[in-house]
Amino acid sequence: MKASIFLLAISLSMPLSAQGRGTEGVGRIILFGEAIQTQGILLGQGIKDQADRQVGPGFRLQISPSMDSRWFGEVSARFQSGAAMATNRDISVVPPANILDVTKVQVDYSYWAVGAAYLIPLGASGGFGVHLEGRAETINPKGSYSTTNGGTAQIDAMSVYFRPWVRLSLEGRIKTWSLVTLVGADLGVAATKASQRSIVPMSQIDAPTLRALAPTWSGALYAGIQF
């Protein structure tokens, strides 16, 4: 369904491509701040936890093959950010209590990405973009956790999850001499997501469980220049 929406947006915009995009420049440098929230995983039977929402900075380079093309190649990187998990509760089925505390475990997240964009002018001072990219996402929970029965332990696990994303962007453009200043926002959706296969102890957390933590959406505000 998500792929169909992307293809429909491209097909609807194709008739406009013959008009070109003027002489705004073939290169774009963008700085962004992006919000995500990692997904929840089961830490025990009926005990689901996830890190709080987090915001991280990043940059994006976009290059077009010619002044008249609306297509841009993209290379992006989002720097590491982190947020703590929230569970601090009794996980025992029967007394005595066994308190699991993972509030000192932080889930770090970052990625690099490559992709392509099709940018459609909206008058002289705006634009709409459809972006398809592959993100190599790093998910890294680390810190200390404890249980009443097991004492305190450390976790520092990591997995890299490569998958496709679709983004839609909306921006304003201000012409300043030979440059165009860009200010905008975008919304991204992951085309696929992983599922947790089994409940494992935090000391034995596996790649499927780590990838199940990965976010399924992202939202960003950005600013940059086109030259």
C-alpha atoms as a PDB file:
ATOM      1  CA  MET A   1       0.000   0.000   0.000  1.00  0.00           C
ATOM      2  CA  LYS A   2       2.771   2.421   0.906  1.00  0.00           C
ATOM      3  CA  ALA A   3       4.636   1.571  -2.294  1.00  0.00           C
ATOM      4  CA  SER A   4       1.446   2.156  -4.305  1.00  0.00           C
ATOM      5  CA  ILE A   5       1.028   5.623  -2.786  1.00  0.00           C
ATOM      6  CA  PHE A   6       4.627   6.469  -3.698  1.00  0.00           C
ATOM      7  CA  LEU A   7       4.200   5.307  -7.312  1.00  0.00           C
ATOM      8  CA  LEU A   8       0.898   7.180  -7.633  1.00  0.00           C
ATOM      9  CA  ALA A   9       2.498  10.403  -6.422  1.00  0.00           C
ATOM     10  CA  ILE A  10       5.305  10.016  -8.955  1.00  0.00           C
ATOM     11  CA  SER A  11       2.923   9.256 -11.834  1.00  0.00           C
ATOM     12  CA  LEU A  12       0.728  12.244 -11.062  1.00  0.00           C
ATOM     13  CA  SER A  13       3.722  14.561 -10.992  1.00  0.00           C
ATOM     14  CA  MET A  14       5.294  13.298 -14.245  1.00  0.00           C
ATOM     15  CA  PRO A  15       3.200  15.497 -16.583  1.00  0.00           C
ATOM     16  CA  LEU A  16       4.652  18.523 -14.834  1.00  0.00           C
ATOM     17  CA  SER A  17       8.266  17.488 -15.342  1.00  0.00           C
ATOM     18  CA  ALA A  18       8.488  18.919 -18.861  1.00  0.00           C
ATOM     19  CA  GLN A  19       8.179  22.388 -17.365  1.00  0.00           C
ATOM     20  CA  GLY A  20      11.543  22.006 -15.576  1.00  0.00           C
ATOM     21  CA  ARG A  21      12.294  23.752 -12.318  1.00  0.00           C
ATOM     22  CA  GLY A  22      13.984  26.933 -13.466  1.00  0.00           C
ATOM     23  CA  THR A  23      17.545  27.855 -12.510  1.00  0.00           C
ATOM     24  CA  GLU A  24      17.544  27.236  -8.778  1.00  0.00           C
ATOM     25  CA  GLY A  25      20.747  25.178  -8.784  1.00  0.00           C
ATOM     26  CA  VAL A  26      21.767  21.530  -8.869  1.00  0.00           C
ATOM     27  CA  GLY A  27      22.991  21.153  -5.280  1.00  0.00           C
ATOM     28  CA  ARG A  28      21.259  21.354  -1.901  1.00  0.00           C
ATOM     29  CA  ILE A  29      22.702  21.208   1.634  1.00  0.00           C
ATOM     30  CA  ILE A  30      20.151  20.643   4.394  1.00  0.00           C
ATOM     31  CA  LEU A  31      20.396  20.474   8.186  1.00  0.00           C
ATOM     32  CA  PHE A  32      17.500  18.830  10.036  1.00  0.00           C
ATOM     33  CA  GLY A  33      16.232  17.907  13.461  1.00  0.00           C
ATOM     34  CA  GLU A  34      14.297  14.641  13.429  1.00  0.00           C
ATOM     35  CA  ALA A  35      11.927  13.132  16.006  1.00  0.00           C
ATOM     36  CA  ILE A  36      11.389   9.370  16.302  1.00  0.00           C
ATOM     37  CA  GLN A  37      10.126   6.915  18.876  1.00  0.00           C
ATOM     38  CA  THR A  38      11.475   3.396  19.074  1.00  0.00           C
ATOM     39  CA  GLN A  39       8.887   0.620  19.232  1.00  0.00           C
ATOM     40  CA  GLY A  40       7.938  -1.435  22.249  1.00  0.00           C
ATOM     41  CA  ILE A  41       9.274  -4.929  22.987  1.00  0.00           C
ATOM     42  CA  LEU A  42       8.236  -7.566  25.514  1.00  0.00           C
ATOM     43  CA  LEU A  43      10.631  -7.811  28.451  1.00  0.00           C
ATOM     44  CA  GLY A  44       8.514 -10.487  30.113  1.00  0.00           C
ATOM     45  CA  GLN A  45       5.073 -12.027  29.815  1.00  0.00           C
ATOM     46  CA  GLY A  46       2.673  -9.070  29.502  1.00  0.00           C
ATOM     47  CA  ILE A  47       5.454  -6.514  30.166  1.00  0.00           C
ATOM     48  CA  LYS A  48       6.031  -4.251  27.179  1.00  0.00           C
ATOM     49  CA  ASP A  49       8.405  -1.304  27.240  1.00  0.00           C
ATOM     50  CA  GLN A  50       9.802   1.294  24.854  1.00  0.00           C
ATOM     51  CA  ALA A  51      12.097   4.286  25.081  1.00  0.00           C
ATOM     52  CA  ASP A  52      10.691   7.801  25.205  1.00  0.00           C
ATOM     53  CA  ARG A  53      10.499   9.944  22.071  1.00  0.00           C
ATOM     54  CA  GLN A  54      13.864  11.387  21.030  1.00  0.00           C
ATOM     55  CA  VAL A  55      15.140  14.092  18.672  1.00  0.00           C
ATOM     56  CA  GLY A  56      18.463  13.999  16.832  1.00  0.00           C
ATOM     57  CA  PRO A  57      20.259  16.289  14.365  1.00  0.00           C
ATOM     58  CA  GLY A  58      21.352  15.352  10.879  1.00  0.00           C
ATOM     59  CA  PHE A  59      22.330  16.596   7.444  1.00  0.00           C
ATOM     60  CA  ARG A  60      21.349  15.780   3.879  1.00  0.00           C
ATOM     61  CA  LEU A  61      23.154  16.391   0.579  1.00  0.00           C
ATOM     62  CA  GLN A  62      21.077  16.441  -2.606  1.00  0.00           C
ATOM     63  CA  ILE A  63      22.467  16.594  -6.149  1.00  0.00           C
ATOM     64  CA  SER A  64      20.495  16.898  -9.404  1.00  0.00           C
ATOM     65  CA  PRO A  65      21.856  15.684 -12.779  1.00  0.00           C
ATOM     66  CA  SER A  66      20.936  18.980 -14.506  1.00  0.00           C
ATOM     67  CA  MET A  67      19.375  22.403 -13.954  1.00  0.00           C
ATOM     68  CA  ASP A  68      16.169  21.289 -15.688  1.00  0.00           C
ATOM     69  CA  SER A  69      15.643  18.023 -13.801  1.00  0.00           C
ATOM     70  CA  ARG A  70      13.409  17.624 -10.792  1.00  0.00           C
ATOM     71  CA  TRP A  71      15.190  14.464  -9.723  1.00  0.00           C
ATOM     72  CA  PHE A  72      17.804  14.600  -6.962  1.00  0.00           C
ATOM     73  CA  GLY A  73      20.091  11.948  -5.548  1.00  0.00           C
ATOM     74  CA  GLU A  74      20.350  12.071  -1.747  1.00  0.00           C
ATOM     75  CA  VAL A  75      22.883  11.108   0.915  1.00  0.00           C
ATOM     76  CA  SER A  76      21.821  11.609   4.544  1.00  0.00           C
ATOM     77  CA  ALA A  77      23.102  11.010   8.044  1.00  0.00           C
ATOM     78  CA  ARG A  78      21.268  11.328  11.357  1.00  0.00           C
ATOM     79  CA  PHE A  79      23.535  11.643  14.372  1.00  0.00           C
ATOM     80  CA  GLN A  80      23.042   9.613  17.513  1.00  0.00           C
ATOM     81  CA  SER A  81      20.354  10.478  20.032  1.00  0.00           C
ATOM     82  CA  GLY A  82      19.031   8.476  22.951  1.00  0.00           C
ATOM     83  CA  ALA A  83      16.093   8.021  25.300  1.00  0.00           C
ATOM     84  CA  ALA A  84      15.590   5.909  28.417  1.00  0.00           C
ATOM     85  CA  MET A  85      13.234   2.973  28.849  1.00  0.00           C
ATOM     86  CA  ALA A  86      10.511   3.215  31.507  1.00  0.00           C
ATOM     87  CA  THR A  87       9.855  -0.169  33.196  1.00  0.00           C
ATOM     88  CA  ASN A  88      10.383  -0.317  36.976  1.00  0.00           C
ATOM     89  CA  ARG A  89       7.901  -2.865  38.285  1.00  0.00           C
ATOM     90  CA  ASP A  90       7.264  -6.297  39.760  1.00  0.00           C
ATOM     91  CA  ILE A  91       7.540  -8.967  37.061  1.00  0.00           C
ATOM     92  CA  SER A  92       6.954 -12.017  39.268  1.00  0.00           C
ATOM     93  CA  VAL A  93       3.900 -14.187  38.632  1.00  0.00           C
ATOM     94  CA  VAL A  94       3.609 -15.147  42.299  1.00  0.00           C
ATOM     95  CA  PRO A  95       5.168 -13.654  45.481  1.00  0.00           C
ATOM     96  CA  PRO A  96       7.792 -12.729  46.432  1.00  0.00           C
ATOM     97  CA  ALA A  97       8.223  -9.607  44.318  1.00  0.00           C
ATOM     98  CA  ASN A  98      10.906  -9.463  41.636  1.00  0.00           C
ATOM     99  CA  ILE A  99      11.371  -5.835  40.584  1.00  0.00           C
ATOM    100  CA  LEU A 100      12.751  -5.252  37.085  1.00  0.00           C
ATOM    101  CA  ASP A 101      14.280  -1.759  36.699  1.00  0.00           C
ATOM    102  CA  VAL A 102      15.446  -0.769  33.202  1.00  0.00           C
ATOM    103  CA  THR A 103      15.123   2.992  33.623  1.00  0.00           C
ATOM    104  CA  LYS A 104      18.902   3.358  33.350  1.00  0.00           C
ATOM    105  CA  VAL A 105      18.965   1.649  29.953  1.00  0.00           C
ATOM    106  CA  GLN A 106      19.143   4.170  27.108  1.00  0.00           C
ATOM    107  CA  VAL A 107      18.233   3.237  23.537  1.00  0.00           C
ATOM    108  CA  ASP A 108      20.504   5.104  21.117  1.00  0.00           C
ATOM    109  CA  TYR A 109      19.472   5.562  17.481  1.00  0.00           C
ATOM    110  CA  SER A 110      21.217   6.849  14.363  1.00  0.00           C
ATOM    111  CA  TYR A 111      21.378   6.127  10.628  1.00  0.00           C
ATOM    112  CA  TRP A 112      22.906   6.902   7.277  1.00  0.00           C
ATOM    113  CA  ALA A 113      20.833   6.756   4.102  1.00  0.00           C
ATOM    114  CA  VAL A 114      21.002   6.934   0.313  1.00  0.00           C
ATOM    115  CA  GLY A 115      18.071   7.572  -1.981  1.00  0.00           C
ATOM    116  CA  ALA A 116      16.344   9.714  -4.578  1.00  0.00           C
ATOM    117  CA  ALA A 117      13.844  12.567  -4.503  1.00  0.00           C
ATOM    118  CA  TYR A 118      11.394  14.059  -6.986  1.00  0.00           C
ATOM    119  CA  LEU A 119      10.750  17.730  -6.163  1.00  0.00           C
ATOM    120  CA  ILE A 120       7.698  19.553  -7.496  1.00  0.00           C
ATOM    121  CA  PRO A 121       7.569  23.386  -7.422  1.00  0.00           C
ATOM    122  CA  LEU A 122       4.505  24.922  -5.782  1.00  0.00           C
ATOM    123  CA  GLY A 123       4.619  28.376  -7.313  1.00  0.00           C
ATOM    124  CA  ALA A 124       7.740  30.528  -7.046  1.00  0.00           C
ATOM    125  CA  SER A 125       8.260  30.148  -3.290  1.00  0.00           C
ATOM    126  CA  GLY A 126       7.349  26.582  -2.334  1.00  0.00           C
ATOM    127  CA  GLY A 127       7.884  22.959  -3.150  1.00  0.00           C
ATOM    128  CA  PHE A 128       6.654  19.422  -2.455  1.00  0.00           C
ATOM    129  CA  GLY A 129       8.906  16.376  -2.510  1.00  0.00           C
ATOM    130  CA  VAL A 130       8.528  12.597  -2.706  1.00  0.00           C
ATOM    131  CA  HIS A 131      11.577  10.727  -1.394  1.00  0.00           C
ATOM    132  CA  LEU A 132      12.519   7.043  -1.410  1.00  0.00           C
ATOM    133  CA  GLU A 133      15.613   6.019   0.543  1.00  0.00           C
ATOM    134  CA  GLY A 134      17.359   3.092   2.135  1.00  0.00           C
ATOM    135  CA  ARG A 135      18.344   3.689   5.762  1.00  0.00           C
ATOM    136  CA  ALA A 136      21.003   1.761   7.650  1.00  0.00           C
ATOM    137  CA  GLU A 137      19.664   2.260  11.171  1.00  0.00           C
ATOM    138  CA  THR A 138      21.773   1.573  14.256  1.00  0.00           C
ATOM    139  CA  ILE A 139      19.814   0.536  17.365  1.00  0.00           C
ATOM    140  CA  ASN A 140      21.913   0.392  20.518  1.00  0.00           C
ATOM    141  CA  PRO A 141      20.405  -0.154  24.011  1.00  0.00           C
ATOM    142  CA  LYS A 142      23.036   0.340  26.696  1.00  0.00           C
ATOM    143  CA  GLY A 143      23.257   0.975  30.419  1.00  0.00           C
ATOM    144  CA  SER A 144      22.558  -0.888  33.656  1.00  0.00           C
ATOM    145  CA  TYR A 145      19.440  -2.789  34.684  1.00  0.00           C
ATOM    146  CA  SER A 146      18.537  -4.795  37.749  1.00  0.00           C
ATOM    147  CA  THR A 147      16.162  -7.381  39.148  1.00  0.00           C
ATOM    148  CA  THR A 148      15.561  -8.214  42.781  1.00  0.00           C
ATOM    149  CA  ASN A 149      16.538 -11.832  42.200  1.00  0.00           C
ATOM    150  CA  GLY A 150      19.419 -11.288  39.796  1.00  0.00           C
ATOM    151  CA  GLY A 151      21.110  -8.111  40.973  1.00  0.00           C
ATOM    152  CA  THR A 152      22.536  -5.487  38.603  1.00  0.00           C
ATOM    153  CA  ALA A 153      23.917  -6.137  35.114  1.00  0.00           C
ATOM    154  CA  GLN A 154      25.032  -4.175  32.073  1.00  0.00           C
ATOM    155  CA  ILE A 155      23.752  -4.197  28.504  1.00  0.00           C
ATOM    156  CA  ASP A 156      25.468  -2.763  25.420  1.00  0.00           C
ATOM    157  CA  ALA A 157      23.909  -4.477  22.398  1.00  0.00           C
ATOM    158  CA  MET A 158      23.783  -3.201  18.823  1.00  0.00           C
ATOM    159  CA  SER A 159      22.200  -4.080  15.498  1.00  0.00           C
ATOM    160  CA  VAL A 160      22.185  -2.360  12.093  1.00  0.00           C
ATOM    161  CA  TYR A 161      18.871  -2.606  10.261  1.00  0.00           C
ATOM    162  CA  PHE A 162      18.797  -1.669   6.539  1.00  0.00           C
ATOM    163  CA  ARG A 163      15.321  -1.063   5.114  1.00  0.00           C
ATOM    164  CA  PRO A 164      13.418   1.268   2.732  1.00  0.00           C
ATOM    165  CA  TRP A 165      11.672   4.453   3.861  1.00  0.00           C
ATOM    166  CA  VAL A 166       9.276   6.815   2.089  1.00  0.00           C
ATOM    167  CA  ARG A 167       9.306  10.524   2.966  1.00  0.00           C
ATOM    168  CA  LEU A 168       7.108  13.443   1.935  1.00  0.00           C
ATOM    169  CA  SER A 169       8.428  16.985   2.280  1.00  0.00           C
ATOM    170  CA  LEU A 170       6.894  20.455   2.075  1.00  0.00           C
ATOM    171  CA  GLU A 171       9.106  23.539   1.972  1.00  0.00           C
ATOM    172  CA  GLY A 172       9.301  27.271   1.442  1.00  0.00           C
ATOM    173  CA  ARG A 173      11.990  28.843  -0.737  1.00  0.00           C
ATOM    174  CA  ILE A 174      13.468  32.337  -0.541  1.00  0.00           C
ATOM    175  CA  LYS A 175      15.688  33.590  -3.371  1.00  0.00           C
ATOM    176  CA  THR A 176      18.806  35.385  -2.082  1.00  0.00           C
ATOM    177  CA  TRP A 177      21.170  36.461  -4.857  1.00  0.00           C
ATOM    178  CA  SER A 178      22.596  33.238  -6.354  1.00  0.00           C
ATOM    179  CA  LEU A 179      21.292  31.053  -3.517  1.00  0.00           C
ATOM    180  CA  VAL A 180      17.869  29.773  -2.517  1.00  0.00           C
ATOM    181  CA  THR A 181      17.182  29.482   1.232  1.00  0.00           C
ATOM    182  CA  LEU A 182      15.061  26.451   2.144  1.00  0.00           C
ATOM    183  CA  VAL A 183      12.839  25.972   5.211  1.00  0.00           C
ATOM    184  CA  GLY A 184      10.553  22.965   5.479  1.00  0.00           C
ATOM    185  CA  ALA A 185       9.236  19.856   7.185  1.00  0.00           C
ATOM    186  CA  ASP A 186       9.016  16.208   6.241  1.00  0.00           C
ATOM    187  CA  LEU A 187       7.297  13.033   7.394  1.00  0.00           C
ATOM    188  CA  GLY A 188       8.802   9.588   6.890  1.00  0.00           C
ATOM    189  CA  VAL A 189       7.296   6.091   7.114  1.00  0.00           C
ATOM    190  CA  ALA A 190       9.212   2.802   7.173  1.00  0.00           C
ATOM    191  CA  ALA A 191       8.152   0.453   4.368  1.00  0.00           C
ATOM    192  CA  THR A 192       8.915  -2.622   6.491  1.00  0.00           C
ATOM    193  CA  LYS A 193       9.317  -3.427  10.174  1.00  0.00           C
ATOM    194  CA  ALA A 194      10.735  -6.311  12.216  1.00  0.00           C
ATOM    195  CA  SER A 195       8.865  -8.363  14.804  1.00  0.00           C
ATOM    196  CA  GLN A 196      10.127  -9.749  18.082  1.00  0.00           C
ATOM    197  CA  ARG A 197      10.345 -13.524  17.715  1.00  0.00           C
ATOM    198  CA  SER A 198      10.625 -14.485  21.375  1.00  0.00           C
ATOM    199  CA  ILE A 199      11.004 -13.022  24.853  1.00  0.00           C
ATOM    200  CA  VAL A 200      14.671 -13.204  25.803  1.00  0.00           C
ATOM    201  CA  PRO A 201      16.545 -11.969  28.901  1.00  0.00           C
ATOM    202  CA  MET A 202      18.181  -8.584  28.427  1.00  0.00           C
ATOM    203  CA  SER A 203      21.574 -10.250  28.845  1.00  0.00           C
ATOM    204  CA  GLN A 204      20.790 -12.382  25.770  1.00  0.00           C
ATOM    205  CA  ILE A 205      18.989  -9.812  23.606  1.00  0.00           C
ATOM    206  CA  ASP A 206      19.162 -10.902  19.956  1.00  0.00           C
ATOM    207  CA  ALA A 207      19.130  -9.131  16.564  1.00  0.00           C
ATOM    208  CA  PRO A 208      15.386  -9.668  15.852  1.00  0.00           C
ATOM    209  CA  THR A 209      14.502  -8.124  19.231  1.00  0.00           C
ATOM    210  CA  LEU A 210      16.844  -5.172  18.626  1.00  0.00           C
ATOM    211  CA  ARG A 211      15.371  -4.563  15.172  1.00  0.00           C
ATOM    212  CA  ALA A 212      11.861  -4.752  16.619  1.00  0.00           C
ATOM    213  CA  LEU A 213      12.810  -1.654  18.630  1.00  0.00           C
ATOM    214  CA  ALA A 214      13.371   0.376  15.448  1.00  0.00           C
ATOM    215  CA  PRO A 215      10.935   3.255  14.776  1.00  0.00           C
ATOM    216  CA  THR A 216       8.241   3.093  12.107  1.00  0.00           C
ATOM    217  CA  TRP A 217       7.882   6.866  11.580  1.00  0.00           C
ATOM    218  CA  SER A 218       9.975  10.019  11.641  1.00  0.00           C
ATOM    219  CA  GLY A 219       9.163  13.724  11.511  1.00  0.00           C
ATOM    220  CA  ALA A 220      11.675  16.489  10.852  1.00  0.00           C
ATOM    221  CA  LEU A 221      12.061  20.238  10.499  1.00  0.00           C
ATOM    222  CA  TYR A 222      14.868  21.397   8.230  1.00  0.00           C
ATOM    223  CA  ALA A 223      16.664  24.408   6.778  1.00  0.00           C
ATOM    224  CA  GLY A 224      19.290  24.700   4.066  1.00  0.00           C
ATOM    225  CA  ILE A 225      20.436  26.232   0.827  1.00  0.00           C
ATOM    226  CA  GLN A 226      20.199  25.360  -2.847  1.00  0.00           C
ATOM    227  CA  PHE A 227      23.012  26.488  -5.116  1.00  0.00           C
END
